[in-house]
């Protein structure tokens, strides 16, 4: 299956491939406390970036102050 994706999405796929198919981001405030609001903003930005490719090319999950991005396709198929 061949998909046409933007260069931005191709870079995200390459990045996730380099990370073993998944990366996790944790957000903390200036006092070092978990920041779920910042994590939500990160998750929403990544979801918007993926657009129609969300849950096709990659999934974005948020739990408290942690955001996990998981690649769902192999680089060679994109």
PDB file of N, CA and C in Angstrom:
ATOM      1  N   UNK A   1       0.833  -1.171   0.000  1.00  0.00           N
ATOM      2  CA  UNK A   1       0.000   0.000   0.000  1.00  0.00           C
ATOM      3  C   UNK A   1       0.881   1.238   0.000  1.00  0.00           C
ATOM      4  N   UNK A   2       0.626   2.180  -0.884  1.00  0.00           N
ATOM      5  CA  UNK A   2       1.421   3.398  -0.984  1.00  0.00           C
ATOM      6  C   UNK A   2       0.548   4.592  -0.649  1.00  0.00           C
ATOM      7  N   UNK A   3       1.031   5.421   0.291  1.00  0.00           N
ATOM      8  CA  UNK A   3       0.302   6.615   0.691  1.00  0.00           C
ATOM      9  C   UNK A   3       1.101   7.839   0.308  1.00  0.00           C
ATOM     10  N   UNK A   4       0.409   8.907  -0.019  1.00  0.00           N
ATOM     11  CA  UNK A   4       1.061  10.178  -0.262  1.00  0.00           C
ATOM     12  C   UNK A   4       0.963  10.998   1.018  1.00  0.00           C
ATOM     13  N   UNK A   5       2.108  11.356   1.579  1.00  0.00           N
ATOM     14  CA  UNK A   5       2.121  12.133   2.811  1.00  0.00           C
ATOM     15  C   UNK A   5       3.032  13.340   2.637  1.00  0.00           C
ATOM     16  N   UNK A   6       2.809  14.327   3.476  1.00  0.00           N
ATOM     17  CA  UNK A   6       3.600  15.551   3.422  1.00  0.00           C
ATOM     18  C   UNK A   6       5.029  15.287   3.907  1.00  0.00           C
ATOM     19  N   UNK A   7       5.947  16.168   3.531  1.00  0.00           N
ATOM     20  CA  UNK A   7       7.322  16.031   4.037  1.00  0.00           C
ATOM     21  C   UNK A   7       7.377  16.062   5.568  1.00  0.00           C
ATOM     22  N   UNK A   8       6.501  16.833   6.197  1.00  0.00           N
ATOM     23  CA  UNK A   8       6.446  16.905   7.655  1.00  0.00           C
ATOM     24  C   UNK A   8       6.111  15.537   8.249  1.00  0.00           C
ATOM     25  N   UNK A   9       5.132  14.857   7.664  1.00  0.00           N
ATOM     26  CA  UNK A   9       4.756  13.525   8.142  1.00  0.00           C
ATOM     27  C   UNK A   9       5.870  12.529   7.851  1.00  0.00           C
ATOM     28  N   UNK A  10       6.517  12.662   6.703  1.00  0.00           N
ATOM     29  CA  UNK A  10       7.655  11.783   6.396  1.00  0.00           C
ATOM     30  C   UNK A  10       8.758  11.938   7.438  1.00  0.00           C
ATOM     31  N   UNK A  11       9.012  13.177   7.866  1.00  0.00           N
ATOM     32  CA  UNK A  11      10.030  13.408   8.899  1.00  0.00           C
ATOM     33  C   UNK A  11       9.603  12.779  10.225  1.00  0.00           C
ATOM     34  N   UNK A  12       8.322  12.876  10.560  1.00  0.00           N
ATOM     35  CA  UNK A  12       7.825  12.251  11.786  1.00  0.00           C
ATOM     36  C   UNK A  12       7.994  10.736  11.714  1.00  0.00           C
ATOM     37  N   UNK A  13       7.679  10.146  10.572  1.00  0.00           N
ATOM     38  CA  UNK A  13       7.845   8.700  10.388  1.00  0.00           C
ATOM     39  C   UNK A  13       9.312   8.318  10.545  1.00  0.00           C
ATOM     40  N   UNK A  14      10.203   9.078   9.927  1.00  0.00           N
ATOM     41  CA  UNK A  14      11.639   8.787  10.029  1.00  0.00           C
ATOM     42  C   UNK A  14      12.109   8.907  11.480  1.00  0.00           C
ATOM     43  N   UNK A  15      11.631   9.932  12.168  1.00  0.00           N
ATOM     44  CA  UNK A  15      11.987  10.123  13.573  1.00  0.00           C
ATOM     45  C   UNK A  15      11.518   8.937  14.415  1.00  0.00           C
ATOM     46  N   UNK A  16      10.261   8.547  14.237  1.00  0.00           N
ATOM     47  CA  UNK A  16       9.731   7.434  15.016  1.00  0.00           C
ATOM     48  C   UNK A  16      10.442   6.126  14.673  1.00  0.00           C
ATOM     49  N   UNK A  17      10.797   5.930  13.404  1.00  0.00           N
ATOM     50  CA  UNK A  17      11.587   4.750  13.033  1.00  0.00           C
ATOM     51  C   UNK A  17      12.916   4.741  13.780  1.00  0.00           C
ATOM     52  N   UNK A  18      13.557   5.903  13.869  1.00  0.00           N
ATOM     53  CA  UNK A  18      14.838   6.008  14.559  1.00  0.00           C
ATOM     54  C   UNK A  18      14.698   5.733  16.059  1.00  0.00           C
ATOM     55  N   UNK A  19      13.507   5.976  16.598  1.00  0.00           N
ATOM     56  CA  UNK A  19      13.236   5.744  18.031  1.00  0.00           C
ATOM     57  C   UNK A  19      12.706   4.349  18.302  1.00  0.00           C
ATOM     58  N   UNK A  20      12.682   3.505  17.303  1.00  0.00           N
ATOM     59  CA  UNK A  20      12.157   2.155  17.501  1.00  0.00           C
ATOM     60  C   UNK A  20      10.650   2.067  17.359  1.00  0.00           C
ATOM     61  N   UNK A  21      10.034   3.086  16.739  1.00  0.00           N
ATOM     62  CA  UNK A  21       8.602   3.045  16.465  1.00  0.00           C
ATOM     63  C   UNK A  21       7.732   3.746  17.480  1.00  0.00           C
ATOM     64  N   UNK A  22       8.350   4.295  18.539  1.00  0.00           N
ATOM     65  CA  UNK A  22       7.553   4.954  19.569  1.00  0.00           C
ATOM     66  C   UNK A  22       8.419   5.971  20.305  1.00  0.00           C
ATOM     67  N   UNK A  23       7.781   7.060  20.735  1.00  0.00           N
ATOM     68  CA  UNK A  23       8.463   8.001  21.616  1.00  0.00           C
ATOM     69  C   UNK A  23       7.461   8.514  22.634  1.00  0.00           C
ATOM     70  N   UNK A  24       7.988   8.907  23.775  1.00  0.00           N
ATOM     71  CA  UNK A  24       7.143   9.384  24.871  1.00  0.00           C
ATOM     72  C   UNK A  24       7.685  10.736  25.320  1.00  0.00           C
ATOM     73  N   UNK A  25       6.774  11.662  25.557  1.00  0.00           N
ATOM     74  CA  UNK A  25       7.116  13.004  26.013  1.00  0.00           C
ATOM     75  C   UNK A  25       6.421  13.237  27.352  1.00  0.00           C
ATOM     76  N   UNK A  26       7.139  13.793  28.308  1.00  0.00           N
ATOM     77  CA  UNK A  26       6.554  14.130  29.592  1.00  0.00           C
ATOM     78  C   UNK A  26       6.679  15.633  29.798  1.00  0.00           C
ATOM     79  N   UNK A  27       5.619  16.249  30.309  1.00  0.00           N
ATOM     80  CA  UNK A  27       5.591  17.690  30.521  1.00  0.00           C
ATOM     81  C   UNK A  27       5.603  18.004  32.014  1.00  0.00           C
ATOM     82  N   UNK A  28       6.423  18.991  32.364  1.00  0.00           N
ATOM     83  CA  UNK A  28       6.518  19.451  33.744  1.00  0.00           C
ATOM     84  C   UNK A  28       6.459  20.966  33.759  1.00  0.00           C
ATOM     85  N   UNK A  29       5.922  21.530  34.841  1.00  0.00           N
ATOM     86  CA  UNK A  29       5.860  22.980  34.952  1.00  0.00           C
ATOM     87  C   UNK A  29       7.179  23.520  35.501  1.00  0.00           C
ATOM     88  N   UNK A  30       7.238  24.831  35.716  1.00  0.00           N
ATOM     89  CA  UNK A  30       8.466  25.481  36.174  1.00  0.00           C
ATOM     90  C   UNK A  30       8.919  24.983  37.543  1.00  0.00           C
ATOM     91  N   UNK A  31       7.999  24.440  38.333  1.00  0.00           N
ATOM     92  CA  UNK A  31       8.340  23.910  39.655  1.00  0.00           C
ATOM     93  C   UNK A  31       8.687  22.427  39.627  1.00  0.00           C
ATOM     94  N   UNK A  32       8.717  21.846  38.441  1.00  0.00           N
ATOM     95  CA  UNK A  32       9.041  20.429  38.315  1.00  0.00           C
ATOM     96  C   UNK A  32       7.873  19.498  38.561  1.00  0.00           C
ATOM     97  N   UNK A  33       6.674  20.064  38.645  1.00  0.00           N
ATOM     98  CA  UNK A  33       5.472  19.259  38.858  1.00  0.00           C
ATOM     99  C   UNK A  33       4.906  18.790  37.517  1.00  0.00           C
ATOM    100  N   UNK A  34       4.274  17.623  37.477  1.00  0.00           N
ATOM    101  CA  UNK A  34       3.644  17.160  36.232  1.00  0.00           C
ATOM    102  C   UNK A  34       2.669  18.220  35.697  1.00  0.00           C
ATOM    103  N   UNK A  35       2.688  18.418  34.385  1.00  0.00           N
ATOM    104  CA  UNK A  35       1.851  19.444  33.749  1.00  0.00           C
ATOM    105  C   UNK A  35       0.958  18.806  32.679  1.00  0.00           C
ATOM    106  N   UNK A  36      -0.222  18.304  33.089  1.00  0.00           N
ATOM    107  CA  UNK A  36      -1.112  17.664  32.115  1.00  0.00           C
ATOM    108  C   UNK A  36      -1.671  18.636  31.083  1.00  0.00           C
ATOM    109  N   UNK A  37      -1.759  19.923  31.411  1.00  0.00           N
ATOM    110  CA  UNK A  37      -2.259  20.913  30.445  1.00  0.00           C
ATOM    111  C   UNK A  37      -1.267  21.066  29.294  1.00  0.00           C
ATOM    112  N   UNK A  38       0.005  21.132  29.606  1.00  0.00           N
ATOM    113  CA  UNK A  38       1.029  21.216  28.562  1.00  0.00           C
ATOM    114  C   UNK A  38       1.073  19.921  27.743  1.00  0.00           C
ATOM    115  N   UNK A  39       0.897  18.785  28.424  1.00  0.00           N
ATOM    116  CA  UNK A  39       0.875  17.502  27.708  1.00  0.00           C
ATOM    117  C   UNK A  39      -0.302  17.465  26.745  1.00  0.00           C
ATOM    118  N   UNK A  40      -1.457  17.963  27.183  1.00  0.00           N
ATOM    119  CA  UNK A  40      -2.635  18.000  26.307  1.00  0.00           C
ATOM    120  C   UNK A  40      -2.354  18.855  25.078  1.00  0.00           C
ATOM    121  N   UNK A  41      -1.694  19.994  25.262  1.00  0.00           N
ATOM    122  CA  UNK A  41      -1.352  20.868  24.132  1.00  0.00           C
ATOM    123  C   UNK A  41      -0.417  20.153  23.161  1.00  0.00           C
ATOM    124  N   UNK A  42       0.552  19.420  23.696  1.00  0.00           N
ATOM    125  CA  UNK A  42       1.464  18.656  22.843  1.00  0.00           C
ATOM    126  C   UNK A  42       0.699  17.590  22.057  1.00  0.00           C
ATOM    127  N   UNK A  43      -0.171  16.863  22.739  1.00  0.00           N
ATOM    128  CA  UNK A  43      -0.959  15.812  22.079  1.00  0.00           C
ATOM    129  C   UNK A  43      -1.845  16.395  20.987  1.00  0.00           C
ATOM    130  N   UNK A  44      -2.497  17.501  21.275  1.00  0.00           N
ATOM    131  CA  UNK A  44      -3.381  18.116  20.277  1.00  0.00           C
ATOM    132  C   UNK A  44      -2.590  18.647  19.084  1.00  0.00           C
ATOM    133  N   UNK A  45      -1.396  19.197  19.342  1.00  0.00           N
ATOM    134  CA  UNK A  45      -0.550  19.674  18.236  1.00  0.00           C
ATOM    135  C   UNK A  45      -0.135  18.510  17.341  1.00  0.00           C
ATOM    136  N   UNK A  46       0.256  17.400  17.946  1.00  0.00           N
ATOM    137  CA  UNK A  46       0.645  16.225  17.162  1.00  0.00           C
ATOM    138  C   UNK A  46      -0.544  15.642  16.401  1.00  0.00           C
ATOM    139  N   UNK A  47      -1.701  15.617  17.024  1.00  0.00           N
ATOM    140  CA  UNK A  47      -2.899  15.120  16.335  1.00  0.00           C
ATOM    141  C   UNK A  47      -3.248  16.001  15.144  1.00  0.00           C
ATOM    142  N   UNK A  48      -3.142  17.314  15.327  1.00  0.00           N
ATOM    143  CA  UNK A  48      -3.418  18.241  14.224  1.00  0.00           C
ATOM    144  C   UNK A  48      -2.397  18.053  13.104  1.00  0.00           C
ATOM    145  N   UNK A  49      -1.141  17.845  13.465  1.00  0.00           N
ATOM    146  CA  UNK A  49      -0.091  17.624  12.475  1.00  0.00           C
ATOM    147  C   UNK A  49      -0.382  16.369  11.663  1.00  0.00           C
ATOM    148  N   UNK A  50      -0.836  15.324  12.309  1.00  0.00           N
ATOM    149  CA  UNK A  50      -1.146  14.078  11.613  1.00  0.00           C
ATOM    150  C   UNK A  50      -2.430  14.181  10.791  1.00  0.00           C
ATOM    151  N   UNK A  51      -3.383  14.992  11.240  1.00  0.00           N
ATOM    152  CA  UNK A  51      -4.631  15.190  10.503  1.00  0.00           C
ATOM    153  C   UNK A  51      -5.314  13.875  10.184  1.00  0.00           C
ATOM    154  N   UNK A  52      -5.631  13.677   8.912  1.00  0.00           N
ATOM    155  CA  UNK A  52      -6.327  12.459   8.468  1.00  0.00           C
ATOM    156  C   UNK A  52      -5.461  11.212   8.637  1.00  0.00           C
ATOM    157  N   UNK A  53      -4.166  11.388   8.857  1.00  0.00           N
ATOM    158  CA  UNK A  53      -3.259  10.252   9.055  1.00  0.00           C
ATOM    159  C   UNK A  53      -3.216   9.762  10.497  1.00  0.00           C
ATOM    160  N   UNK A  54      -3.910  10.468  11.409  1.00  0.00           N
ATOM    161  CA  UNK A  54      -3.980  10.038  12.797  1.00  0.00           C
ATOM    162  C   UNK A  54      -4.647   8.663  12.860  1.00  0.00           C
ATOM    163  N   UNK A  55      -4.035   7.770  13.581  1.00  0.00           N
ATOM    164  CA  UNK A  55      -4.494   6.384  13.736  1.00  0.00           C
ATOM    165  C   UNK A  55      -4.418   5.584  12.436  1.00  0.00           C
ATOM    166  N   UNK A  56      -3.762   6.137  11.425  1.00  0.00           N
ATOM    167  CA  UNK A  56      -3.452   5.409  10.196  1.00  0.00           C
ATOM    168  C   UNK A  56      -1.940   5.220  10.133  1.00  0.00           C
ATOM    169  N   UNK A  57      -1.216   6.323  10.287  1.00  0.00           N
ATOM    170  CA  UNK A  57       0.242   6.288  10.277  1.00  0.00           C
ATOM    171  C   UNK A  57       0.800   6.223  11.692  1.00  0.00           C
ATOM    172  N   UNK A  58       0.187   6.975  12.590  1.00  0.00           N
ATOM    173  CA  UNK A  58       0.656   7.001  13.978  1.00  0.00           C
ATOM    174  C   UNK A  58      -0.509   7.287  14.913  1.00  0.00           C
ATOM    175  N   UNK A  59      -0.364   6.819  16.140  1.00  0.00           N
ATOM    176  CA  UNK A  59      -1.355   7.125  17.172  1.00  0.00           C
ATOM    177  C   UNK A  59      -0.725   8.077  18.176  1.00  0.00           C
ATOM    178  N   UNK A  60      -1.566   8.888  18.794  1.00  0.00           N
ATOM    179  CA  UNK A  60      -1.126   9.828  19.820  1.00  0.00           C
ATOM    180  C   UNK A  60      -2.026   9.623  21.031  1.00  0.00           C
ATOM    181  N   UNK A  61      -1.424   9.226  22.145  1.00  0.00           N
ATOM    182  CA  UNK A  61      -2.176   8.984  23.373  1.00  0.00           C
ATOM    183  C   UNK A  61      -1.629   9.880  24.475  1.00  0.00           C
ATOM    184  N   UNK A  62      -2.530  10.442  25.275  1.00  0.00           N
ATOM    185  CA  UNK A  62      -2.117  11.252  26.411  1.00  0.00           C
ATOM    186  C   UNK A  62      -2.685  10.670  27.686  1.00  0.00           C
ATOM    187  N   UNK A  63      -1.855  10.592  28.706  1.00  0.00           N
ATOM    188  CA  UNK A  63      -2.278  10.174  30.035  1.00  0.00           C
ATOM    189  C   UNK A  63      -1.550  11.074  31.027  1.00  0.00           C
ATOM    190  N   UNK A  64      -2.320  11.876  31.744  1.00  0.00           N
ATOM    191  CA  UNK A  64      -1.765  12.846  32.700  1.00  0.00           C
ATOM    192  C   UNK A  64      -0.749  13.739  31.989  1.00  0.00           C
ATOM    193  N   UNK A  65       0.512  13.736  32.409  1.00  0.00           N
ATOM    194  CA  UNK A  65       1.516  14.612  31.800  1.00  0.00           C
ATOM    195  C   UNK A  65       2.357  13.899  30.737  1.00  0.00           C
ATOM    196  N   UNK A  66       1.932  12.717  30.301  1.00  0.00           N
ATOM    197  CA  UNK A  66       2.700  11.921  29.344  1.00  0.00           C
ATOM    198  C   UNK A  66       1.950  11.792  28.020  1.00  0.00           C
ATOM    199  N   UNK A  67       2.694  11.984  26.918  1.00  0.00           N
ATOM    200  CA  UNK A  67       2.162  11.795  25.571  1.00  0.00           C
ATOM    201  C   UNK A  67       3.004  10.716  24.903  1.00  0.00           C
ATOM    202  N   UNK A  68       2.335   9.711  24.345  1.00  0.00           N
ATOM    203  CA  UNK A  68       3.028   8.637  23.643  1.00  0.00           C
ATOM    204  C   UNK A  68       2.607   8.654  22.180  1.00  0.00           C
ATOM    205  N   UNK A  69       3.603   8.679  21.295  1.00  0.00           N
ATOM    206  CA  UNK A  69       3.375   8.649  19.856  1.00  0.00           C
ATOM    207  C   UNK A  69       3.903   7.318  19.346  1.00  0.00           C
ATOM    208  N   UNK A  70       3.050   6.552  18.667  1.00  0.00           N
ATOM    209  CA  UNK A  70       3.407   5.226  18.202  1.00  0.00           C
ATOM    210  C   UNK A  70       3.214   5.133  16.701  1.00  0.00           C
ATOM    211  N   UNK A  71       4.230   4.695  15.999  1.00  0.00           N
ATOM    212  CA  UNK A  71       4.161   4.495  14.560  1.00  0.00           C
ATOM    213  C   UNK A  71       3.335   3.242  14.250  1.00  0.00           C
ATOM    214  N   UNK A  72       2.407   3.352  13.313  1.00  0.00           N
ATOM    215  CA  UNK A  72       1.532   2.237  12.968  1.00  0.00           C
ATOM    216  C   UNK A  72       1.858   1.629  11.611  1.00  0.00           C
ATOM    217  N   UNK A  73       2.767   2.227  10.864  1.00  0.00           N
ATOM    218  CA  UNK A  73       3.151   1.715   9.543  1.00  0.00           C
ATOM    219  C   UNK A  73       4.671   1.623   9.476  1.00  0.00           C
ATOM    220  N   UNK A  74       5.151   0.828   8.550  1.00  0.00           N
ATOM    221  CA  UNK A  74       6.579   0.763   8.304  1.00  0.00           C
ATOM    222  C   UNK A  74       6.961   1.834   7.314  1.00  0.00           C
ATOM    223  N   UNK A  75       8.132   2.413   7.482  1.00  0.00           N
ATOM    224  CA  UNK A  75       8.605   3.503   6.617  1.00  0.00           C
ATOM    225  C   UNK A  75       8.565   3.120   5.137  1.00  0.00           C
ATOM    226  N   UNK A  76       8.916   1.889   4.828  1.00  0.00           N
ATOM    227  CA  UNK A  76       8.983   1.453   3.440  1.00  0.00           C
ATOM    228  C   UNK A  76       7.609   1.430   2.753  1.00  0.00           C
ATOM    229  N   UNK A  77       6.513   1.387   3.528  1.00  0.00           N
ATOM    230  CA  UNK A  77       5.193   1.309   2.931  1.00  0.00           C
ATOM    231  C   UNK A  77       4.582   2.674   2.694  1.00  0.00           C
ATOM    232  N   UNK A  78       5.237   3.724   3.127  1.00  0.00           N
ATOM    233  CA  UNK A  78       4.664   5.063   2.992  1.00  0.00           C
ATOM    234  C   UNK A  78       5.177   5.719   1.732  1.00  0.00           C
TER     235      UNK A  78
END
